Amino acid sequence: MAGTAVPDAPWLVLARERSFEGFKARVREQFLAEDDVEVRRAAMEVLFARHPAGDDEPSRRRLDQLGRYVAYLARVFLDADAYNAAKHGFALRGERSSLDVRVDDRSVIEATGYSFEMLHVARDPGGHRRWRLTERWYSIDLTVALIWIATALIENLWLVARGRYLGVQPRLKTAVDQGRPSATRALGALRRGA
């Protein structure tokens, strides 16, 4: 779909895909491979509608931000190692971890947080499949904020589809509608450590 006209209902095109590898290839092509900012904006406008209406700078910034969220969620979806490790019963262990890197007896990096280790298969430079033990760190606050953003995006997809197919004018949901701070402010506060 990237580089071509975006269908009116791209979610239905993706839903018709029966091959999981084909589905992943479509997600990669649609949400990660496109370099043209105008094509990405057009795709986000089809998915989420232009809100506020118009071709002004706030509308373009909103579409660009939506594109960044969707691209991030696509990368998470395509990185299936943790999901596959849990699904197939491989080693998956969560814990609190800490890291302290010292140079000349001075701490240059110090971090603590939640992490999990997982056993998964990855290809080596020669293309051979090899078992690996990987540790990933996660911010619980950031993860919860991103889950909230993802659910809001999904809800807005359905509101836009309802408007498109049933003729009902969609009233897109925002954080303010639900008495919560905007996602941008919430993520900014998380980055600042508030």
Protein backbone atom coordinates (compact mmCIF):
# COMPACT_ATOMS: atom_id res chain seq x y z
CA MET A 1 0.00 0.00 0.00
CA ALA A 2 2.96 2.35 0.55
CA GLY A 3 3.67 4.65 -2.37
CA THR A 4 0.22 3.96 -3.83
CA ALA A 5 -3.23 5.34 -3.20
CA VAL A 6 -4.37 4.44 0.30
CA PRO A 7 -7.63 2.47 0.19
CA ASP A 8 -10.66 3.94 1.98
CA ALA A 9 -10.59 1.04 4.44
CA PRO A 10 -6.98 -0.13 4.84
CA TRP A 11 -7.93 -2.10 7.96
CA LEU A 12 -10.24 -4.27 5.81
CA VAL A 13 -7.42 -4.88 3.30
CA LEU A 14 -5.17 -6.00 6.17
CA ALA A 15 -7.96 -8.10 7.73
CA ARG A 16 -8.34 -10.09 4.48
CA GLU A 17 -4.72 -11.24 4.65
CA ARG A 18 -4.65 -14.92 5.69
CA SER A 19 -0.89 -15.47 5.78
CA PHE A 20 0.77 -14.22 8.96
CA GLU A 21 4.01 -13.55 7.07
CA GLY A 22 2.01 -11.68 4.42
CA PHE A 23 0.26 -9.68 7.13
CA LYS A 24 3.59 -8.74 8.72
CA ALA A 25 4.97 -7.74 5.31
CA ARG A 26 1.94 -5.47 4.74
CA VAL A 27 2.34 -3.87 8.17
CA ARG A 28 6.06 -3.30 7.48
CA GLU A 29 5.32 -1.86 4.02
CA GLN A 30 2.40 0.35 5.07
CA PHE A 31 3.71 1.78 8.32
CA LEU A 32 7.51 1.56 8.27
CA ALA A 33 8.83 1.55 4.70
CA GLU A 34 7.35 4.82 3.43
CA ASP A 35 9.82 7.71 3.48
CA ASP A 36 7.65 10.39 1.87
CA VAL A 37 6.14 12.54 4.65
CA GLU A 38 3.17 13.56 2.49
CA VAL A 39 2.28 9.92 1.75
CA ARG A 40 2.51 9.11 5.47
CA ARG A 41 0.25 12.06 6.30
CA ALA A 42 -2.25 10.95 3.66
CA ALA A 43 -2.29 7.45 5.18
CA MET A 44 -2.89 8.84 8.68
CA GLU A 45 -5.64 11.10 7.35
CA VAL A 46 -7.41 8.08 5.84
CA LEU A 47 -7.01 6.08 9.04
CA PHE A 48 -7.87 8.78 11.58
CA ALA A 49 -9.48 11.63 9.58
CA ARG A 50 -8.10 15.15 9.57
CA HIS A 51 -8.93 16.62 12.95
CA PRO A 52 -8.96 19.55 13.29
CA ALA A 53 -10.14 19.93 9.70
CA GLY A 54 -8.02 21.93 7.32
CA ASP A 55 -4.50 22.01 5.99
CA ASP A 56 -3.03 24.11 8.77
CA GLU A 57 0.13 23.45 10.76
CA PRO A 58 -1.62 21.95 13.86
CA SER A 59 -3.39 19.45 11.63
CA ARG A 60 -0.13 18.47 9.89
CA ARG A 61 1.65 18.11 13.25
CA ARG A 62 -1.17 15.91 14.54
CA LEU A 63 -0.97 13.65 11.47
CA ASP A 64 2.82 13.43 11.82
CA GLN A 65 2.50 12.50 15.51
CA LEU A 66 -0.11 9.86 14.68
CA GLY A 67 2.30 8.47 12.08
CA ARG A 68 5.07 8.22 14.68
CA TYR A 69 2.78 6.40 17.14
CA VAL A 70 1.55 3.98 14.48
CA ALA A 71 5.13 3.32 13.28
CA TYR A 72 6.25 2.63 16.87
CA LEU A 73 3.33 0.25 17.44
CA ALA A 74 4.12 -1.48 14.11
CA ARG A 75 7.73 -2.01 15.25
CA VAL A 76 6.50 -3.49 18.54
CA PHE A 77 4.10 -5.77 16.64
CA LEU A 78 6.82 -6.94 14.25
CA ASP A 79 9.24 -7.68 17.11
CA ALA A 80 7.53 -10.89 18.14
CA ASP A 81 10.34 -12.44 20.20
CA ALA A 82 8.74 -11.91 23.63
CA TYR A 83 5.30 -13.01 22.42
CA ASN A 84 6.70 -16.15 20.80
CA ALA A 85 8.83 -16.97 23.84
CA ALA A 86 5.77 -16.83 26.11
CA LYS A 87 3.48 -18.60 23.61
CA HIS A 88 5.85 -21.54 23.11
CA GLY A 89 6.80 -21.89 26.77
CA PHE A 90 10.41 -20.78 26.36
CA ALA A 91 12.29 -19.25 29.26
CA LEU A 92 10.78 -15.88 30.08
CA ARG A 93 11.80 -14.35 33.40
CA GLY A 94 10.97 -10.91 34.76
CA GLU A 95 12.91 -9.07 37.41
CA ARG A 96 14.22 -5.71 38.58
CA SER A 97 17.64 -5.02 37.14
CA SER A 98 20.34 -2.47 37.65
CA LEU A 99 23.26 -1.30 35.59
CA ASP A 100 26.27 0.70 36.70
CA VAL A 101 28.97 1.52 34.15
CA ARG A 102 32.14 2.99 35.61
CA VAL A 103 35.13 4.57 33.90
CA ASP A 104 38.14 5.48 36.03
CA ASP A 105 36.08 4.80 39.15
CA ARG A 106 33.41 7.33 38.07
CA SER A 107 29.86 6.26 37.35
CA VAL A 108 28.92 7.28 33.79
CA ILE A 109 25.70 5.30 33.44
CA GLU A 110 23.53 4.17 36.30
CA ALA A 111 20.05 2.77 35.80
CA THR A 112 17.53 0.53 37.53
CA GLY A 113 14.23 -0.74 36.25
CA TYR A 114 12.04 -3.64 35.23
CA SER A 115 13.34 -6.14 32.73
CA PHE A 116 12.79 -9.63 31.49
CA GLU A 117 15.01 -12.24 29.95
CA MET A 118 13.82 -14.46 27.15
CA LEU A 119 15.11 -17.29 25.08
CA HIS A 120 14.50 -16.80 21.35
CA VAL A 121 15.80 -17.70 17.92
CA ALA A 122 17.62 -15.12 15.79
CA ARG A 123 19.54 -15.31 12.55
CA ASP A 124 23.31 -14.84 12.70
CA PRO A 125 25.20 -12.86 10.00
CA GLY A 126 25.43 -16.05 7.93
CA GLY A 127 21.64 -16.50 7.98
CA HIS A 128 21.66 -19.49 10.34
CA ARG A 129 19.11 -19.68 13.14
CA ARG A 130 20.74 -19.51 16.59
CA TRP A 131 19.33 -19.55 20.12
CA ARG A 132 19.89 -16.34 22.09
CA LEU A 133 19.18 -15.15 25.60
CA THR A 134 18.12 -11.50 25.52
CA GLU A 135 17.31 -9.06 28.31
CA ARG A 136 14.93 -6.15 27.67
CA TRP A 137 14.26 -3.21 29.94
CA TYR A 138 10.87 -1.50 30.20
CA SER A 139 9.49 1.61 31.82
CA ILE A 140 6.18 0.62 33.40
CA ASP A 141 4.90 4.22 33.27
CA LEU A 142 5.81 4.65 29.61
CA THR A 143 4.40 1.24 28.71
CA VAL A 144 1.06 2.04 30.39
CA ALA A 145 0.94 5.43 28.60
CA LEU A 146 1.63 3.76 25.24
CA ILE A 147 -1.07 1.14 25.89
CA TRP A 148 -3.52 3.96 26.61
CA ILE A 149 -2.49 5.71 23.37
CA ALA A 150 -2.85 2.48 21.38
CA THR A 151 -6.37 1.86 22.71
CA ALA A 152 -7.35 5.47 21.90
CA LEU A 153 -5.99 5.03 18.35
CA ILE A 154 -7.97 1.81 17.88
CA GLU A 155 -11.15 3.45 19.17
CA ASN A 156 -10.67 6.37 16.78
CA LEU A 157 -10.10 3.98 13.86
CA TRP A 158 -13.53 2.49 14.53
CA LEU A 159 -15.15 5.91 14.94
CA VAL A 160 -13.78 7.02 11.57
CA ALA A 161 -14.92 3.76 9.96
CA ARG A 162 -18.39 4.21 11.48
CA GLY A 163 -18.60 7.68 10.01
CA ARG A 164 -17.34 6.52 6.63
CA TYR A 165 -19.68 3.52 6.29
CA LEU A 166 -22.76 4.55 8.28
CA GLY A 167 -22.71 8.26 7.53
CA VAL A 168 -22.49 9.14 11.23
CA GLN A 169 -20.31 12.17 11.87
CA PRO A 170 -17.48 10.86 14.06
CA ARG A 171 -16.68 12.72 17.25
CA LEU A 172 -13.10 11.70 17.74
CA LYS A 173 -12.08 10.94 21.29
CA THR A 174 -9.33 12.91 22.94
CA ALA A 175 -7.77 12.70 26.35
CA VAL A 176 -9.59 15.88 27.35
CA ASP A 177 -12.96 14.23 26.57
CA GLN A 178 -12.21 11.61 29.18
CA GLY A 179 -10.96 14.00 31.84
CA ARG A 180 -7.34 12.94 31.38
CA PRO A 181 -4.31 14.95 30.31
CA SER A 182 -3.31 14.72 26.66
CA ALA A 183 -1.05 11.87 25.66
CA THR A 184 1.63 14.33 24.58
CA ARG A 185 1.64 16.00 28.01
CA ALA A 186 1.55 12.62 29.75
CA LEU A 187 4.52 11.30 27.77
CA GLY A 188 6.40 14.59 28.29
CA ALA A 189 5.85 14.31 32.04
CA LEU A 190 7.11 10.72 31.97
CA ARG A 191 10.25 11.76 30.11
CA ARG A 192 10.89 14.50 32.67
CA GLY A 193 10.44 12.01 35.50
CA ALA A 194 7.33 13.71 36.89
